């Protein structure tokens, strides 16, 4: 009887000890997991979003993913684009502005190695800073409208089109219809309207930096003339762009990574994979030459 009681006591002690060990282990693991989650969430992150080719609404989902990620503090749009249609640019411009208003604490930068021009530069002006590699060009502030007149080709081919329409301006833009002065005037007014909106966007975003560049350069012409020079549709090299106030910093991509790292930022791509140099991005990016689509049409 004594032996049995002793055995029960021993068993009870063993189970008690196991219970304490399990409780402590659970507490430690949970606490460790909580601490790891805390350390991970406390780490600031910069996400690079590649946006290449003609401006399109397909750019938006990646931008939204980067902004909506709670671990992201800085979003960098890597743009290689010469622009796109007025409609696509203005729609995306609005979406980016709404996105930035929804996540006001997050910084937004743009970067380019080749070209960020016309409609793409319009969008870049929504960013806090524009970074260019020494090889990049930017600008091309302007609007272009292309109207094909194929009436002579139709005549050579022995084809004649009869355009029947109601409304004097209904046939505007039809390539088989000769262009008229009213159409030229109408298109010109629309282009001028879009051009003025483009200028307002640039001045609203970068006005102070353009003025600071103007003062630094010591330009003798009036500021308005200086701005007019920049807004004639020309593209400028990286160093010129910085000097004129169109861009903020000139540095290579690996220099950008180092710049962000010195600020304590962990740089990754949109899939969360770490980026420590340009080699980490090469497989996901397809570079475009400088000549791509230098217009908004």
C-alpha atoms as a PDB file:
ATOM      1  CA  UNK A   1       0.000   0.000   0.000  1.00  0.00           C
ATOM      2  CA  UNK A   2       2.823   2.368   0.827  1.00  0.00           C
ATOM      3  CA  UNK A   3       4.584   1.387  -2.365  1.00  0.00           C
ATOM      4  CA  UNK A   4       1.483   2.183  -4.464  1.00  0.00           C
ATOM      5  CA  UNK A   5       0.979   5.525  -2.778  1.00  0.00           C
ATOM      6  CA  UNK A   6       4.607   6.404  -3.424  1.00  0.00           C
ATOM      7  CA  UNK A   7       4.183   5.439  -7.065  1.00  0.00           C
ATOM      8  CA  UNK A   8       1.111   7.661  -7.351  1.00  0.00           C
ATOM      9  CA  UNK A   9       2.958  10.564  -5.774  1.00  0.00           C
ATOM     10  CA  UNK A  10       5.870  10.104  -8.160  1.00  0.00           C
ATOM     11  CA  UNK A  11       3.530   9.960 -11.153  1.00  0.00           C
ATOM     12  CA  UNK A  12       1.702  13.068  -9.974  1.00  0.00           C
ATOM     13  CA  UNK A  13       4.967  14.942  -9.616  1.00  0.00           C
ATOM     14  CA  UNK A  14       6.084  13.908 -13.097  1.00  0.00           C
ATOM     15  CA  UNK A  15       2.804  15.059 -14.680  1.00  0.00           C
ATOM     16  CA  UNK A  16       2.990  18.321 -12.716  1.00  0.00           C
ATOM     17  CA  UNK A  17       6.523  18.938 -13.889  1.00  0.00           C
ATOM     18  CA  UNK A  18       5.562  18.208 -17.501  1.00  0.00           C
ATOM     19  CA  UNK A  19       2.618  20.599 -17.255  1.00  0.00           C
ATOM     20  CA  UNK A  20       4.884  23.372 -15.974  1.00  0.00           C
ATOM     21  CA  UNK A  21       7.404  22.689 -18.761  1.00  0.00           C
ATOM     22  CA  UNK A  22       4.697  22.747 -21.460  1.00  0.00           C
ATOM     23  CA  UNK A  23       3.259  25.974 -20.056  1.00  0.00           C
ATOM     24  CA  UNK A  24       6.668  27.656 -19.961  1.00  0.00           C
ATOM     25  CA  UNK A  25       7.557  26.431 -23.447  1.00  0.00           C
ATOM     26  CA  UNK A  26       4.246  27.683 -24.839  1.00  0.00           C
ATOM     27  CA  UNK A  27       4.689  31.047 -23.150  1.00  0.00           C
ATOM     28  CA  UNK A  28       8.246  31.392 -24.421  1.00  0.00           C
ATOM     29  CA  UNK A  29       7.331  30.383 -27.982  1.00  0.00           C
ATOM     30  CA  UNK A  30       4.326  32.671 -28.100  1.00  0.00           C
ATOM     31  CA  UNK A  31       6.353  35.465 -26.601  1.00  0.00           C
ATOM     32  CA  UNK A  32       9.177  34.849 -29.065  1.00  0.00           C
ATOM     33  CA  UNK A  33       6.763  34.784 -32.012  1.00  0.00           C
ATOM     34  CA  UNK A  34       5.183  38.004 -30.783  1.00  0.00           C
ATOM     35  CA  UNK A  35       8.599  39.607 -30.441  1.00  0.00           C
ATOM     36  CA  UNK A  36       9.618  38.441 -33.921  1.00  0.00           C
ATOM     37  CA  UNK A  37       6.427  39.838 -35.388  1.00  0.00           C
ATOM     38  CA  UNK A  38       7.089  43.090 -33.582  1.00  0.00           C
ATOM     39  CA  UNK A  39      10.651  43.252 -34.888  1.00  0.00           C
ATOM     40  CA  UNK A  40       9.479  42.459 -38.418  1.00  0.00           C
ATOM     41  CA  UNK A  41       6.727  45.067 -38.377  1.00  0.00           C
ATOM     42  CA  UNK A  42       9.083  47.626 -36.888  1.00  0.00           C
ATOM     43  CA  UNK A  43      11.504  47.172 -39.796  1.00  0.00           C
ATOM     44  CA  UNK A  44      10.904  49.829 -42.428  1.00  0.00           C
ATOM     45  CA  UNK A  45      10.587  48.620 -46.001  1.00  0.00           C
ATOM     46  CA  UNK A  46      11.017  50.160 -49.442  1.00  0.00           C
ATOM     47  CA  UNK A  47       9.322  48.394 -52.354  1.00  0.00           C
ATOM     48  CA  UNK A  48      10.418  48.822 -55.985  1.00  0.00           C
ATOM     49  CA  UNK A  49       7.583  48.649 -58.535  1.00  0.00           C
ATOM     50  CA  UNK A  50       8.695  48.319 -62.201  1.00  0.00           C
ATOM     51  CA  UNK A  51       6.494  50.342 -64.578  1.00  0.00           C
ATOM     52  CA  UNK A  52       7.792  49.961 -68.135  1.00  0.00           C
ATOM     53  CA  UNK A  53       6.536  50.787 -71.612  1.00  0.00           C
ATOM     54  CA  UNK A  54       3.512  52.832 -72.583  1.00  0.00           C
ATOM     55  CA  UNK A  55       1.503  54.281 -69.696  1.00  0.00           C
ATOM     56  CA  UNK A  56      -1.438  52.017 -68.978  1.00  0.00           C
ATOM     57  CA  UNK A  57      -3.963  51.241 -66.254  1.00  0.00           C
ATOM     58  CA  UNK A  58      -2.152  47.917 -65.832  1.00  0.00           C
ATOM     59  CA  UNK A  59       0.396  49.861 -63.772  1.00  0.00           C
ATOM     60  CA  UNK A  60      -2.104  50.504 -60.997  1.00  0.00           C
ATOM     61  CA  UNK A  61      -2.499  47.039 -59.373  1.00  0.00           C
ATOM     62  CA  UNK A  62       1.228  46.805 -58.558  1.00  0.00           C
ATOM     63  CA  UNK A  63       1.233  50.320 -57.138  1.00  0.00           C
ATOM     64  CA  UNK A  64      -1.831  49.563 -55.027  1.00  0.00           C
ATOM     65  CA  UNK A  65      -0.258  46.332 -53.763  1.00  0.00           C
ATOM     66  CA  UNK A  66       2.860  48.224 -52.677  1.00  0.00           C
ATOM     67  CA  UNK A  67       0.969  51.062 -50.981  1.00  0.00           C
ATOM     68  CA  UNK A  68      -1.548  48.770 -49.275  1.00  0.00           C
ATOM     69  CA  UNK A  69       1.151  46.511 -47.784  1.00  0.00           C
ATOM     70  CA  UNK A  70       1.302  47.422 -44.089  1.00  0.00           C
ATOM     71  CA  UNK A  71       5.030  46.637 -44.012  1.00  0.00           C
ATOM     72  CA  UNK A  72       5.816  49.195 -46.714  1.00  0.00           C
ATOM     73  CA  UNK A  73       7.006  52.685 -45.809  1.00  0.00           C
ATOM     74  CA  UNK A  74       8.456  53.807 -49.152  1.00  0.00           C
ATOM     75  CA  UNK A  75       7.227  53.002 -52.670  1.00  0.00           C
ATOM     76  CA  UNK A  76       9.647  53.483 -55.567  1.00  0.00           C
ATOM     77  CA  UNK A  77       8.160  53.442 -59.072  1.00  0.00           C
ATOM     78  CA  UNK A  78      10.900  52.405 -61.491  1.00  0.00           C
ATOM     79  CA  UNK A  79       9.644  54.042 -64.694  1.00  0.00           C
ATOM     80  CA  UNK A  80      11.016  53.483 -68.171  1.00  0.00           C
ATOM     81  CA  UNK A  81       8.455  55.163 -70.398  1.00  0.00           C
ATOM     82  CA  UNK A  82       8.023  57.881 -72.968  1.00  0.00           C
ATOM     83  CA  UNK A  83       4.363  58.458 -72.117  1.00  0.00           C
ATOM     84  CA  UNK A  84       0.997  57.317 -73.384  1.00  0.00           C
ATOM     85  CA  UNK A  85      -2.460  58.528 -74.270  1.00  0.00           C
ATOM     86  CA  UNK A  86      -3.929  61.540 -72.512  1.00  0.00           C
ATOM     87  CA  UNK A  87      -6.798  59.446 -71.173  1.00  0.00           C
ATOM     88  CA  UNK A  88      -4.549  56.748 -69.706  1.00  0.00           C
ATOM     89  CA  UNK A  89      -2.208  59.314 -68.148  1.00  0.00           C
ATOM     90  CA  UNK A  90      -4.961  61.396 -66.553  1.00  0.00           C
ATOM     91  CA  UNK A  91      -6.820  58.345 -65.212  1.00  0.00           C
ATOM     92  CA  UNK A  92      -3.669  56.937 -63.640  1.00  0.00           C
ATOM     93  CA  UNK A  93      -2.686  60.367 -62.323  1.00  0.00           C
ATOM     94  CA  UNK A  94      -6.008  60.546 -60.490  1.00  0.00           C
ATOM     95  CA  UNK A  95      -5.685  57.004 -59.114  1.00  0.00           C
ATOM     96  CA  UNK A  96      -2.172  57.663 -57.803  1.00  0.00           C
ATOM     97  CA  UNK A  97      -3.311  60.849 -56.079  1.00  0.00           C
ATOM     98  CA  UNK A  98      -6.218  59.016 -54.426  1.00  0.00           C
ATOM     99  CA  UNK A  99      -3.829  56.222 -53.418  1.00  0.00           C
ATOM    100  CA  UNK A 100      -1.407  58.690 -51.860  1.00  0.00           C
ATOM    101  CA  UNK A 101      -4.242  60.375 -49.965  1.00  0.00           C
ATOM    102  CA  UNK A 102      -5.303  56.980 -48.610  1.00  0.00           C
ATOM    103  CA  UNK A 103      -1.763  56.267 -47.359  1.00  0.00           C
ATOM    104  CA  UNK A 104      -0.389  59.728 -46.499  1.00  0.00           C
ATOM    105  CA  UNK A 105       2.404  58.416 -44.246  1.00  0.00           C
ATOM    106  CA  UNK A 106       4.108  56.558 -47.093  1.00  0.00           C
ATOM    107  CA  UNK A 107       6.769  58.209 -49.214  1.00  0.00           C
ATOM    108  CA  UNK A 108       6.659  57.878 -53.010  1.00  0.00           C
ATOM    109  CA  UNK A 109       9.706  58.120 -55.288  1.00  0.00           C
ATOM    110  CA  UNK A 110      10.355  57.524 -58.979  1.00  0.00           C
ATOM    111  CA  UNK A 111      13.539  56.242 -60.587  1.00  0.00           C
ATOM    112  CA  UNK A 112      14.714  55.784 -64.176  1.00  0.00           C
ATOM    113  CA  UNK A 113      17.806  54.518 -65.984  1.00  0.00           C
ATOM    114  CA  UNK A 114      16.686  55.320 -69.519  1.00  0.00           C
ATOM    115  CA  UNK A 115      13.701  57.566 -70.004  1.00  0.00           C
ATOM    116  CA  UNK A 116      10.892  59.142 -68.034  1.00  0.00           C
ATOM    117  CA  UNK A 117       9.192  61.552 -70.400  1.00  0.00           C
ATOM    118  CA  UNK A 118       5.957  63.177 -71.480  1.00  0.00           C
ATOM    119  CA  UNK A 119       3.010  61.375 -69.866  1.00  0.00           C
ATOM    120  CA  UNK A 120       5.389  59.332 -67.689  1.00  0.00           C
ATOM    121  CA  UNK A 121       6.998  62.545 -66.431  1.00  0.00           C
ATOM    122  CA  UNK A 122       3.504  63.889 -65.719  1.00  0.00           C
ATOM    123  CA  UNK A 123       2.981  60.873 -63.435  1.00  0.00           C
ATOM    124  CA  UNK A 124       6.461  61.176 -61.934  1.00  0.00           C
ATOM    125  CA  UNK A 125       5.510  64.638 -60.730  1.00  0.00           C
ATOM    126  CA  UNK A 126       3.073  63.008 -58.291  1.00  0.00           C
ATOM    127  CA  UNK A 127       6.117  61.626 -56.415  1.00  0.00           C
ATOM    128  CA  UNK A 128       8.012  63.213 -53.534  1.00  0.00           C
ATOM    129  CA  UNK A 129      11.327  62.886 -55.379  1.00  0.00           C
ATOM    130  CA  UNK A 130      12.556  61.929 -58.841  1.00  0.00           C
ATOM    131  CA  UNK A 131      15.819  59.952 -59.046  1.00  0.00           C
ATOM    132  CA  UNK A 132      17.661  59.494 -62.348  1.00  0.00           C
ATOM    133  CA  UNK A 133      20.618  57.330 -63.300  1.00  0.00           C
ATOM    134  CA  UNK A 134      23.368  59.281 -65.103  1.00  0.00           C
ATOM    135  CA  UNK A 135      22.209  57.617 -68.342  1.00  0.00           C
ATOM    136  CA  UNK A 136      18.581  58.761 -68.068  1.00  0.00           C
ATOM    137  CA  UNK A 137      16.615  61.474 -69.824  1.00  0.00           C
ATOM    138  CA  UNK A 138      13.464  63.170 -68.623  1.00  0.00           C
ATOM    139  CA  UNK A 139      11.040  65.937 -69.528  1.00  0.00           C
ATOM    140  CA  UNK A 140       9.293  66.142 -72.908  1.00  0.00           C
ATOM    141  CA  UNK A 141       6.640  68.381 -71.381  1.00  0.00           C
ATOM    142  CA  UNK A 142       4.129  68.773 -74.177  1.00  0.00           C
ATOM    143  CA  UNK A 143       1.220  67.223 -76.046  1.00  0.00           C
ATOM    144  CA  UNK A 144       1.035  65.961 -79.609  1.00  0.00           C
ATOM    145  CA  UNK A 145      -1.927  65.035 -81.802  1.00  0.00           C
ATOM    146  CA  UNK A 146      -1.462  62.864 -84.899  1.00  0.00           C
ATOM    147  CA  UNK A 147      -4.020  63.090 -87.685  1.00  0.00           C
ATOM    148  CA  UNK A 148      -3.597  60.760 -90.653  1.00  0.00           C
ATOM    149  CA  UNK A 149      -4.908  62.035 -93.998  1.00  0.00           C
ATOM    150  CA  UNK A 150      -5.018  59.063 -96.387  1.00  0.00           C
ATOM    151  CA  UNK A 151      -7.062  60.778 -99.114  1.00  0.00           C
ATOM    152  CA  UNK A 152      -4.113  60.853-101.554  1.00  0.00           C
ATOM    153  CA  UNK A 153      -3.313  57.181-100.902  1.00  0.00           C
ATOM    154  CA  UNK A 154      -6.996  56.376-101.432  1.00  0.00           C
ATOM    155  CA  UNK A 155      -6.917  58.207-104.754  1.00  0.00           C
ATOM    156  CA  UNK A 156      -3.807  56.342-105.935  1.00  0.00           C
ATOM    157  CA  UNK A 157      -5.452  53.074-104.951  1.00  0.00           C
ATOM    158  CA  UNK A 158      -8.515  54.046-106.943  1.00  0.00           C
ATOM    159  CA  UNK A 159     -10.734  54.114-103.868  1.00  0.00           C
ATOM    160  CA  UNK A 160     -13.034  56.960-102.919  1.00  0.00           C
ATOM    161  CA  UNK A 161     -14.771  57.160 -99.544  1.00  0.00           C
ATOM    162  CA  UNK A 162     -18.061  58.985 -99.150  1.00  0.00           C
ATOM    163  CA  UNK A 163     -18.368  60.253 -95.576  1.00  0.00           C
ATOM    164  CA  UNK A 164     -21.993  60.933 -94.767  1.00  0.00           C
ATOM    165  CA  UNK A 165     -22.517  62.558 -91.394  1.00  0.00           C
ATOM    166  CA  UNK A 166     -24.882  64.706 -89.387  1.00  0.00           C
ATOM    167  CA  UNK A 167     -23.167  67.417 -87.411  1.00  0.00           C
ATOM    168  CA  UNK A 168     -20.523  69.624 -88.958  1.00  0.00           C
ATOM    169  CA  UNK A 169     -17.711  68.240 -86.814  1.00  0.00           C
ATOM    170  CA  UNK A 170     -18.726  64.572 -86.793  1.00  0.00           C
ATOM    171  CA  UNK A 171     -16.131  63.560 -89.410  1.00  0.00           C
ATOM    172  CA  UNK A 172     -13.212  65.145 -87.553  1.00  0.00           C
ATOM    173  CA  UNK A 173     -10.358  62.674 -87.287  1.00  0.00           C
ATOM    174  CA  UNK A 174     -11.549  60.378 -90.079  1.00  0.00           C
ATOM    175  CA  UNK A 175      -8.424  59.521 -92.060  1.00  0.00           C
ATOM    176  CA  UNK A 176     -10.428  59.223 -95.319  1.00  0.00           C
ATOM    177  CA  UNK A 177     -11.677  62.774 -94.953  1.00  0.00           C
ATOM    178  CA  UNK A 178      -9.425  65.762 -95.762  1.00  0.00           C
ATOM    179  CA  UNK A 179      -8.472  67.836 -92.745  1.00  0.00           C
ATOM    180  CA  UNK A 180     -10.155  71.240 -92.528  1.00  0.00           C
ATOM    181  CA  UNK A 181      -9.353  74.471 -90.736  1.00  0.00           C
ATOM    182  CA  UNK A 182     -12.211  73.979 -88.219  1.00  0.00           C
ATOM    183  CA  UNK A 183     -10.745  70.568 -87.344  1.00  0.00           C
ATOM    184  CA  UNK A 184      -7.271  72.054 -86.935  1.00  0.00           C
ATOM    185  CA  UNK A 185      -8.684  74.739 -84.651  1.00  0.00           C
ATOM    186  CA  UNK A 186     -10.730  72.248 -82.601  1.00  0.00           C
ATOM    187  CA  UNK A 187      -7.779  69.878 -82.127  1.00  0.00           C
ATOM    188  CA  UNK A 188      -5.501  72.794 -81.298  1.00  0.00           C
ATOM    189  CA  UNK A 189      -7.828  74.012 -78.558  1.00  0.00           C
ATOM    190  CA  UNK A 190      -8.045  70.557 -77.013  1.00  0.00           C
ATOM    191  CA  UNK A 191      -4.265  70.091 -77.110  1.00  0.00           C
ATOM    192  CA  UNK A 192      -3.736  73.506 -75.528  1.00  0.00           C
ATOM    193  CA  UNK A 193      -6.184  72.637 -72.761  1.00  0.00           C
ATOM    194  CA  UNK A 194      -4.355  69.377 -71.947  1.00  0.00           C
ATOM    195  CA  UNK A 195      -1.001  71.141 -72.207  1.00  0.00           C
ATOM    196  CA  UNK A 196      -2.067  73.724 -69.622  1.00  0.00           C
ATOM    197  CA  UNK A 197      -3.179  70.957 -67.241  1.00  0.00           C
ATOM    198  CA  UNK A 198       0.214  69.294 -67.737  1.00  0.00           C
ATOM    199  CA  UNK A 199       1.990  72.563 -66.904  1.00  0.00           C
ATOM    200  CA  UNK A 200      -0.162  73.091 -63.820  1.00  0.00           C
ATOM    201  CA  UNK A 201       0.708  69.568 -62.641  1.00  0.00           C
ATOM    202  CA  UNK A 202       4.441  70.189 -63.031  1.00  0.00           C
ATOM    203  CA  UNK A 203       4.337  73.619 -61.386  1.00  0.00           C
ATOM    204  CA  UNK A 204       2.135  72.448 -58.507  1.00  0.00           C
ATOM    205  CA  UNK A 205       4.469  69.544 -57.731  1.00  0.00           C
ATOM    206  CA  UNK A 206       7.865  71.019 -58.551  1.00  0.00           C
ATOM    207  CA  UNK A 207       7.325  74.781 -58.582  1.00  0.00           C
ATOM    208  CA  UNK A 208       9.477  75.485 -55.527  1.00  0.00           C
ATOM    209  CA  UNK A 209      12.282  73.242 -56.793  1.00  0.00           C
ATOM    210  CA  UNK A 210      12.148  74.881 -60.226  1.00  0.00           C
ATOM    211  CA  UNK A 211      12.364  78.289 -58.559  1.00  0.00           C
ATOM    212  CA  UNK A 212      15.291  77.162 -56.393  1.00  0.00           C
ATOM    213  CA  UNK A 213      17.107  75.887 -59.501  1.00  0.00           C
ATOM    214  CA  UNK A 214      16.375  79.168 -61.266  1.00  0.00           C
ATOM    215  CA  UNK A 215      17.928  81.117 -58.364  1.00  0.00           C
ATOM    216  CA  UNK A 216      20.923  78.773 -58.139  1.00  0.00           C
ATOM    217  CA  UNK A 217      21.662  79.028 -61.854  1.00  0.00           C
ATOM    218  CA  UNK A 218      21.412  82.818 -61.735  1.00  0.00           C
ATOM    219  CA  UNK A 219      19.421  82.956 -64.959  1.00  0.00           C
ATOM    220  CA  UNK A 220      19.052  86.541 -66.243  1.00  0.00           C
ATOM    221  CA  UNK A 221      15.754  85.983 -68.082  1.00  0.00           C
ATOM    222  CA  UNK A 222      12.429  86.209 -66.182  1.00  0.00           C
ATOM    223  CA  UNK A 223      11.285  83.075 -64.352  1.00  0.00           C
ATOM    224  CA  UNK A 224       8.329  82.720 -66.739  1.00  0.00           C
ATOM    225  CA  UNK A 225      10.728  82.602 -69.691  1.00  0.00           C
ATOM    226  CA  UNK A 226      12.850  80.029 -67.890  1.00  0.00           C
ATOM    227  CA  UNK A 227       9.793  77.810 -67.363  1.00  0.00           C
ATOM    228  CA  UNK A 228       8.744  78.309 -70.984  1.00  0.00           C
ATOM    229  CA  UNK A 229      12.157  77.011 -72.077  1.00  0.00           C
ATOM    230  CA  UNK A 230      11.666  73.812 -70.075  1.00  0.00           C
ATOM    231  CA  UNK A 231       8.159  73.254 -71.381  1.00  0.00           C
ATOM    232  CA  UNK A 232       8.765  73.100 -75.115  1.00  0.00           C
ATOM    233  CA  UNK A 233       8.770  69.312 -75.391  1.00  0.00           C
ATOM    234  CA  UNK A 234      12.530  68.768 -75.064  1.00  0.00           C
ATOM    235  CA  UNK A 235      14.108  65.928 -73.093  1.00  0.00           C
ATOM    236  CA  UNK A 236      17.089  66.682 -70.859  1.00  0.00           C
ATOM    237  CA  UNK A 237      19.930  64.533 -69.590  1.00  0.00           C
ATOM    238  CA  UNK A 238      20.099  63.529 -65.946  1.00  0.00           C
ATOM    239  CA  UNK A 239      22.522  66.230 -64.793  1.00  0.00           C
ATOM    240  CA  UNK A 240      20.651  68.914 -66.750  1.00  0.00           C
ATOM    241  CA  UNK A 241      17.349  67.720 -65.320  1.00  0.00           C
ATOM    242  CA  UNK A 242      18.700  68.040 -61.789  1.00  0.00           C
ATOM    243  CA  UNK A 243      20.229  71.454 -62.481  1.00  0.00           C
ATOM    244  CA  UNK A 244      16.966  72.731 -63.994  1.00  0.00           C
ATOM    245  CA  UNK A 245      14.849  71.392 -61.107  1.00  0.00           C
ATOM    246  CA  UNK A 246      13.067  68.722 -63.155  1.00  0.00           C
ATOM    247  CA  UNK A 247      14.655  65.927 -61.068  1.00  0.00           C
ATOM    248  CA  UNK A 248      16.119  65.699 -57.584  1.00  0.00           C
ATOM    249  CA  UNK A 249      19.084  63.313 -57.511  1.00  0.00           C
ATOM    250  CA  UNK A 250      21.390  61.596 -60.002  1.00  0.00           C
ATOM    251  CA  UNK A 251      22.643  58.167 -58.910  1.00  0.00           C
ATOM    252  CA  UNK A 252      22.987  54.661 -60.251  1.00  0.00           C
ATOM    253  CA  UNK A 253      20.519  51.989 -59.197  1.00  0.00           C
ATOM    254  CA  UNK A 254      22.970  50.406 -56.765  1.00  0.00           C
ATOM    255  CA  UNK A 255      23.576  53.900 -55.408  1.00  0.00           C
ATOM    256  CA  UNK A 256      19.828  54.235 -54.849  1.00  0.00           C
ATOM    257  CA  UNK A 257      19.829  50.948 -52.908  1.00  0.00           C
ATOM    258  CA  UNK A 258      22.716  52.201 -50.765  1.00  0.00           C
ATOM    259  CA  UNK A 259      20.939  55.524 -50.222  1.00  0.00           C
ATOM    260  CA  UNK A 260      17.822  53.723 -48.978  1.00  0.00           C
ATOM    261  CA  UNK A 261      19.823  51.260 -46.886  1.00  0.00           C
ATOM    262  CA  UNK A 262      21.639  54.085 -45.097  1.00  0.00           C
ATOM    263  CA  UNK A 263      18.219  55.340 -44.059  1.00  0.00           C
ATOM    264  CA  UNK A 264      17.550  51.971 -42.434  1.00  0.00           C
ATOM    265  CA  UNK A 265      15.215  50.767 -45.167  1.00  0.00           C
ATOM    266  CA  UNK A 266      15.005  47.142 -46.252  1.00  0.00           C
ATOM    267  CA  UNK A 267      14.556  47.169 -50.054  1.00  0.00           C
ATOM    268  CA  UNK A 268      12.467  44.510 -51.809  1.00  0.00           C
ATOM    269  CA  UNK A 269      10.509  43.950 -55.006  1.00  0.00           C
ATOM    270  CA  UNK A 270       6.714  43.703 -55.193  1.00  0.00           C
ATOM    271  CA  UNK A 271       6.922  39.995 -54.382  1.00  0.00           C
ATOM    272  CA  UNK A 272       8.735  40.685 -51.115  1.00  0.00           C
ATOM    273  CA  UNK A 273      12.112  39.373 -52.297  1.00  0.00           C
ATOM    274  CA  UNK A 274      15.085  41.409 -51.047  1.00  0.00           C
ATOM    275  CA  UNK A 275      16.925  43.676 -53.461  1.00  0.00           C
ATOM    276  CA  UNK A 276      20.537  44.427 -52.611  1.00  0.00           C
ATOM    277  CA  UNK A 277      21.818  45.395 -56.086  1.00  0.00           C
ATOM    278  CA  UNK A 278      20.664  45.789 -59.679  1.00  0.00           C
ATOM    279  CA  UNK A 279      21.290  42.075 -60.285  1.00  0.00           C
ATOM    280  CA  UNK A 280      18.280  41.239 -58.139  1.00  0.00           C
ATOM    281  CA  UNK A 281      15.969  43.167 -60.476  1.00  0.00           C
ATOM    282  CA  UNK A 282      17.394  42.225 -63.883  1.00  0.00           C
ATOM    283  CA  UNK A 283      15.137  39.223 -64.492  1.00  0.00           C
ATOM    284  CA  UNK A 284      11.926  41.122 -63.804  1.00  0.00           C
ATOM    285  CA  UNK A 285      12.675  44.222 -65.873  1.00  0.00           C
ATOM    286  CA  UNK A 286      12.774  44.696 -69.639  1.00  0.00           C
ATOM    287  CA  UNK A 287      14.522  47.945 -70.527  1.00  0.00           C
ATOM    288  CA  UNK A 288      13.192  50.150 -73.296  1.00  0.00           C
ATOM    289  CA  UNK A 289      15.366  52.352 -75.532  1.00  0.00           C
ATOM    290  CA  UNK A 290      15.294  56.113 -75.286  1.00  0.00           C
ATOM    291  CA  UNK A 291      13.299  56.425 -78.504  1.00  0.00           C
ATOM    292  CA  UNK A 292      10.127  54.842 -77.121  1.00  0.00           C
ATOM    293  CA  UNK A 293       6.967  56.820 -77.533  1.00  0.00           C
ATOM    294  CA  UNK A 294       8.089  60.386 -76.906  1.00  0.00           C
ATOM    295  CA  UNK A 295       4.571  61.741 -76.881  1.00  0.00           C
ATOM    296  CA  UNK A 296       1.150  61.942 -75.345  1.00  0.00           C
ATOM    297  CA  UNK A 297      -1.372  61.362 -78.082  1.00  0.00           C
END
